[in-house]
Amino acid sequence: MVVYNVTINVHESAHVKWLQWMKDVHLPKVMDTKMFRSYSIFKLLTRQDDEEGVTYCIQYFCDNEANYDNYKTNFAPTLQAETQQLFAGQFHAFRTLMEEV
């Protein structure tokens, strides 16, 4: 199993709207691609002393790297552009790919 992890820090003033949009719009669209088996979303409870905003991790579970590559090439650019359009300047994200061992 492969896990695509997106860690995103959202500005305090936008995180409630962002989270609702993620749950109602973005996550269903990602799952509609059929590239992932399931997902989990987490809110980080620990913070660095100088950290601002609210940090979330979204983990998408897929059967293999081929599904992830297909998502990354054919779906991610459009979905990420939608996020950028709605929340430009209000978040920072980084993405990692992990393998279950």
N, C-alpha and C. Protein backbone atom coordinates (compact mmCIF):
# COMPACT_ATOMS: atom_id res chain seq x y z
N MET A 1 0.84 -1.18 0.00
CA MET A 1 0.00 0.00 0.00
C MET A 1 0.88 1.23 0.00
N VAL A 2 0.43 2.26 -0.69
CA VAL A 2 1.11 3.53 -0.79
C VAL A 2 0.21 4.59 -0.16
N VAL A 3 0.83 5.51 0.57
CA VAL A 3 0.08 6.59 1.21
C VAL A 3 0.61 7.91 0.68
N TYR A 4 -0.28 8.69 0.12
CA TYR A 4 0.03 10.05 -0.33
C TYR A 4 -0.39 10.98 0.80
N ASN A 5 0.58 11.65 1.39
CA ASN A 5 0.34 12.51 2.55
C ASN A 5 0.47 13.97 2.15
N VAL A 6 -0.53 14.75 2.48
CA VAL A 6 -0.48 16.20 2.26
C VAL A 6 -0.58 16.85 3.64
N THR A 7 0.47 17.58 4.00
CA THR A 7 0.47 18.34 5.25
C THR A 7 0.28 19.80 4.87
N ILE A 8 -0.70 20.42 5.48
CA ILE A 8 -1.06 21.79 5.09
C ILE A 8 -1.30 22.64 6.33
N ASN A 9 -0.66 23.80 6.34
CA ASN A 9 -0.85 24.76 7.41
C ASN A 9 -1.72 25.88 6.83
N VAL A 10 -2.86 26.10 7.47
CA VAL A 10 -3.84 27.07 6.97
C VAL A 10 -3.91 28.24 7.94
N HIS A 11 -3.92 29.45 7.40
CA HIS A 11 -4.01 30.65 8.22
C HIS A 11 -5.21 30.55 9.15
N GLU A 12 -5.04 31.03 10.36
CA GLU A 12 -6.08 30.96 11.39
C GLU A 12 -7.42 31.50 10.88
N SER A 13 -7.40 32.58 10.13
CA SER A 13 -8.65 33.21 9.67
C SER A 13 -9.36 32.41 8.57
N ALA A 14 -8.68 31.45 7.96
CA ALA A 14 -9.27 30.72 6.83
C ALA A 14 -9.53 29.25 7.12
N HIS A 15 -9.02 28.73 8.23
CA HIS A 15 -9.04 27.27 8.39
C HIS A 15 -10.44 26.68 8.53
N VAL A 16 -11.40 27.37 9.10
CA VAL A 16 -12.75 26.82 9.23
C VAL A 16 -13.39 26.69 7.85
N LYS A 17 -13.30 27.72 7.05
CA LYS A 17 -13.84 27.69 5.69
C LYS A 17 -13.10 26.64 4.84
N TRP A 18 -11.77 26.58 4.97
CA TRP A 18 -10.96 25.61 4.22
C TRP A 18 -11.38 24.19 4.58
N LEU A 19 -11.51 23.88 5.87
CA LEU A 19 -11.86 22.53 6.29
C LEU A 19 -13.23 22.12 5.77
N GLN A 20 -14.19 23.02 5.83
CA GLN A 20 -15.53 22.70 5.32
C GLN A 20 -15.48 22.45 3.82
N TRP A 21 -14.73 23.27 3.09
CA TRP A 21 -14.59 23.09 1.65
C TRP A 21 -13.90 21.76 1.34
N MET A 22 -12.87 21.42 2.11
CA MET A 22 -12.19 20.13 1.91
C MET A 22 -13.18 18.98 2.05
N LYS A 23 -13.94 18.99 3.11
CA LYS A 23 -14.87 17.90 3.38
C LYS A 23 -16.01 17.82 2.36
N ASP A 24 -16.54 18.98 1.97
CA ASP A 24 -17.71 19.01 1.09
C ASP A 24 -17.38 18.93 -0.40
N VAL A 25 -16.22 19.45 -0.79
CA VAL A 25 -15.92 19.59 -2.22
C VAL A 25 -14.65 18.84 -2.63
N HIS A 26 -13.53 19.22 -2.04
CA HIS A 26 -12.24 18.72 -2.53
C HIS A 26 -12.07 17.21 -2.33
N LEU A 27 -12.27 16.74 -1.12
CA LEU A 27 -12.06 15.30 -0.86
C LEU A 27 -12.99 14.42 -1.70
N PRO A 28 -14.26 14.76 -1.85
CA PRO A 28 -15.10 13.95 -2.76
C PRO A 28 -14.57 13.94 -4.20
N LYS A 29 -14.05 15.08 -4.66
CA LYS A 29 -13.49 15.11 -6.02
C LYS A 29 -12.27 14.22 -6.13
N VAL A 30 -11.41 14.24 -5.13
CA VAL A 30 -10.23 13.36 -5.15
C VAL A 30 -10.67 11.91 -5.18
N MET A 31 -11.63 11.56 -4.36
CA MET A 31 -12.08 10.17 -4.32
C MET A 31 -12.80 9.77 -5.61
N ASP A 32 -13.42 10.71 -6.28
CA ASP A 32 -14.08 10.42 -7.56
C ASP A 32 -13.09 10.02 -8.65
N THR A 33 -11.81 10.31 -8.47
CA THR A 33 -10.80 9.91 -9.45
C THR A 33 -10.60 8.40 -9.45
N LYS A 34 -11.01 7.73 -8.40
CA LYS A 34 -10.88 6.28 -8.24
C LYS A 34 -9.42 5.82 -8.12
N MET A 35 -8.52 6.75 -7.85
CA MET A 35 -7.10 6.40 -7.69
C MET A 35 -6.77 6.00 -6.26
N PHE A 36 -7.64 6.35 -5.32
CA PHE A 36 -7.38 6.07 -3.91
C PHE A 36 -8.49 5.20 -3.33
N ARG A 37 -8.11 4.36 -2.41
CA ARG A 37 -9.04 3.45 -1.75
C ARG A 37 -9.83 4.17 -0.65
N SER A 38 -9.13 5.04 0.09
CA SER A 38 -9.76 5.77 1.19
C SER A 38 -8.84 6.92 1.58
N TYR A 39 -9.29 7.69 2.56
CA TYR A 39 -8.46 8.78 3.07
C TYR A 39 -8.78 8.99 4.55
N SER A 40 -7.88 9.67 5.22
CA SER A 40 -8.09 10.13 6.60
C SER A 40 -7.59 11.56 6.68
N ILE A 41 -8.25 12.36 7.49
CA ILE A 41 -7.81 13.73 7.70
C ILE A 41 -7.60 13.93 9.20
N PHE A 42 -6.48 14.55 9.52
CA PHE A 42 -6.09 14.76 10.92
C PHE A 42 -5.76 16.23 11.14
N LYS A 43 -6.08 16.70 12.33
CA LYS A 43 -5.66 18.03 12.78
C LYS A 43 -4.52 17.82 13.77
N LEU A 44 -3.40 18.48 13.54
CA LEU A 44 -2.27 18.35 14.45
C LEU A 44 -2.59 19.06 15.76
N LEU A 45 -2.31 18.38 16.85
CA LEU A 45 -2.56 18.94 18.17
C LEU A 45 -1.32 19.60 18.76
N THR A 46 -0.15 19.16 18.33
CA THR A 46 1.09 19.77 18.82
C THR A 46 1.53 20.85 17.85
N ARG A 47 2.19 21.85 18.41
CA ARG A 47 2.65 22.98 17.60
C ARG A 47 4.06 23.36 18.01
N GLN A 48 4.78 23.91 17.06
CA GLN A 48 6.08 24.50 17.35
C GLN A 48 5.84 25.85 18.03
N ASP A 49 6.81 26.32 18.80
CA ASP A 49 6.64 27.58 19.52
C ASP A 49 6.31 28.75 18.60
N ASP A 50 6.92 28.79 17.42
CA ASP A 50 6.72 29.92 16.51
C ASP A 50 5.67 29.64 15.43
N GLU A 51 4.97 28.54 15.54
CA GLU A 51 4.00 28.16 14.51
C GLU A 51 2.72 28.98 14.61
N GLU A 52 2.26 29.39 13.45
CA GLU A 52 0.99 30.12 13.35
C GLU A 52 0.03 29.28 12.51
N GLY A 53 -1.24 29.58 12.60
CA GLY A 53 -2.22 28.86 11.80
C GLY A 53 -2.57 27.51 12.40
N VAL A 54 -3.29 26.73 11.61
CA VAL A 54 -3.74 25.40 12.01
C VAL A 54 -3.21 24.41 10.98
N THR A 55 -2.65 23.30 11.45
CA THR A 55 -2.04 22.33 10.55
C THR A 55 -2.86 21.05 10.50
N TYR A 56 -3.04 20.56 9.28
CA TYR A 56 -3.78 19.33 9.02
C TYR A 56 -2.90 18.40 8.19
N CYS A 57 -3.15 17.11 8.32
CA CYS A 57 -2.55 16.09 7.46
C CYS A 57 -3.69 15.30 6.84
N ILE A 58 -3.61 15.15 5.53
CA ILE A 58 -4.57 14.32 4.82
C ILE A 58 -3.79 13.17 4.22
N GLN A 59 -4.22 11.96 4.52
CA GLN A 59 -3.55 10.77 4.00
C GLN A 59 -4.52 10.04 3.08
N TYR A 60 -4.06 9.86 1.83
CA TYR A 60 -4.83 9.15 0.82
C TYR A 60 -4.18 7.79 0.62
N PHE A 61 -4.95 6.73 0.71
CA PHE A 61 -4.43 5.37 0.63
C PHE A 61 -4.71 4.79 -0.76
N CYS A 62 -3.65 4.31 -1.41
CA CYS A 62 -3.84 3.71 -2.72
C CYS A 62 -3.09 2.38 -2.81
N ASP A 63 -3.49 1.58 -3.77
CA ASP A 63 -2.96 0.22 -3.88
C ASP A 63 -1.52 0.18 -4.36
N ASN A 64 -1.12 1.15 -5.19
CA ASN A 64 0.22 1.08 -5.79
C ASN A 64 0.65 2.46 -6.30
N GLU A 65 1.92 2.56 -6.63
CA GLU A 65 2.46 3.83 -7.13
C GLU A 65 1.89 4.22 -8.47
N ALA A 66 1.49 3.25 -9.27
CA ALA A 66 0.90 3.56 -10.57
C ALA A 66 -0.37 4.40 -10.41
N ASN A 67 -1.19 4.05 -9.43
CA ASN A 67 -2.40 4.85 -9.17
C ASN A 67 -2.03 6.26 -8.74
N TYR A 68 -1.04 6.36 -7.86
CA TYR A 68 -0.59 7.69 -7.43
C TYR A 68 -0.06 8.49 -8.61
N ASP A 69 0.77 7.86 -9.44
CA ASP A 69 1.33 8.56 -10.61
C ASP A 69 0.23 9.03 -11.54
N ASN A 70 -0.78 8.21 -11.74
CA ASN A 70 -1.91 8.59 -12.57
C ASN A 70 -2.62 9.81 -11.97
N TYR A 71 -2.86 9.77 -10.67
CA TYR A 71 -3.49 10.91 -9.99
C TYR A 71 -2.64 12.16 -10.15
N LYS A 72 -1.35 12.04 -9.86
CA LYS A 72 -0.44 13.19 -9.91
C LYS A 72 -0.40 13.82 -11.30
N THR A 73 -0.41 13.00 -12.32
CA THR A 73 -0.31 13.49 -13.70
C THR A 73 -1.64 14.02 -14.24
N ASN A 74 -2.71 13.27 -14.00
CA ASN A 74 -3.97 13.56 -14.68
C ASN A 74 -5.03 14.30 -13.87
N PHE A 75 -4.88 14.33 -12.55
CA PHE A 75 -5.92 14.95 -11.72
C PHE A 75 -5.41 16.04 -10.79
N ALA A 76 -4.24 15.84 -10.21
CA ALA A 76 -3.74 16.76 -9.18
C ALA A 76 -3.60 18.20 -9.66
N PRO A 77 -3.08 18.44 -10.87
CA PRO A 77 -2.92 19.85 -11.27
C PRO A 77 -4.22 20.66 -11.21
N THR A 78 -5.31 20.10 -11.68
CA THR A 78 -6.59 20.81 -11.67
C THR A 78 -7.10 21.00 -10.25
N LEU A 79 -7.02 19.94 -9.45
CA LEU A 79 -7.52 20.02 -8.08
C LEU A 79 -6.69 20.97 -7.23
N GLN A 80 -5.39 20.95 -7.42
CA GLN A 80 -4.53 21.88 -6.67
C GLN A 80 -4.75 23.32 -7.13
N ALA A 81 -5.02 23.52 -8.40
CA ALA A 81 -5.31 24.88 -8.90
C ALA A 81 -6.58 25.43 -8.27
N GLU A 82 -7.58 24.59 -8.08
CA GLU A 82 -8.83 25.03 -7.44
C GLU A 82 -8.54 25.49 -6.00
N THR A 83 -7.73 24.72 -5.30
CA THR A 83 -7.38 25.10 -3.92
C THR A 83 -6.64 26.42 -3.92
N GLN A 84 -5.70 26.57 -4.82
CA GLN A 84 -4.92 27.80 -4.90
C GLN A 84 -5.81 29.00 -5.22
N GLN A 85 -6.76 28.80 -6.12
CA GLN A 85 -7.65 29.89 -6.50
C GLN A 85 -8.49 30.36 -5.31
N LEU A 86 -9.00 29.43 -4.53
CA LEU A 86 -9.87 29.78 -3.41
C LEU A 86 -9.12 30.28 -2.18
N PHE A 87 -7.91 29.77 -1.96
CA PHE A 87 -7.21 30.05 -0.71
C PHE A 87 -5.79 30.58 -0.92
N ALA A 88 -5.57 31.27 -2.02
CA ALA A 88 -4.24 31.79 -2.33
C ALA A 88 -3.70 32.65 -1.19
N GLY A 89 -2.45 32.37 -0.81
CA GLY A 89 -1.80 33.15 0.23
C GLY A 89 -2.25 32.82 1.64
N GLN A 90 -3.14 31.84 1.79
CA GLN A 90 -3.67 31.51 3.11
C GLN A 90 -3.22 30.14 3.62
N PHE A 91 -2.33 29.48 2.88
CA PHE A 91 -1.88 28.16 3.29
C PHE A 91 -0.49 27.86 2.72
N HIS A 92 0.15 26.89 3.34
CA HIS A 92 1.40 26.32 2.85
C HIS A 92 1.24 24.81 2.94
N ALA A 93 1.63 24.10 1.88
CA ALA A 93 1.47 22.65 1.88
C ALA A 93 2.75 21.98 1.43
N PHE A 94 2.96 20.78 1.94
CA PHE A 94 4.00 19.92 1.37
C PHE A 94 3.45 18.51 1.28
N ARG A 95 3.95 17.81 0.29
CA ARG A 95 3.43 16.48 -0.03
C ARG A 95 4.52 15.44 0.05
N THR A 96 4.16 14.26 0.56
CA THR A 96 5.10 13.15 0.63
C THR A 96 4.38 11.88 0.20
N LEU A 97 5.17 10.96 -0.31
CA LEU A 97 4.66 9.65 -0.67
C LEU A 97 5.32 8.63 0.24
N MET A 98 4.51 7.78 0.84
CA MET A 98 5.03 6.81 1.82
C MET A 98 4.58 5.42 1.41
N GLU A 99 5.37 4.44 1.82
CA GLU A 99 5.04 3.05 1.56
C GLU A 99 4.88 2.31 2.87
N GLU A 100 3.82 1.53 2.97
CA GLU A 100 3.61 0.73 4.17
C GLU A 100 4.65 -0.38 4.22
N VAL A 101 5.27 -0.56 5.38
CA VAL A 101 6.29 -1.61 5.54
C VAL A 101 5.90 -2.59 6.64
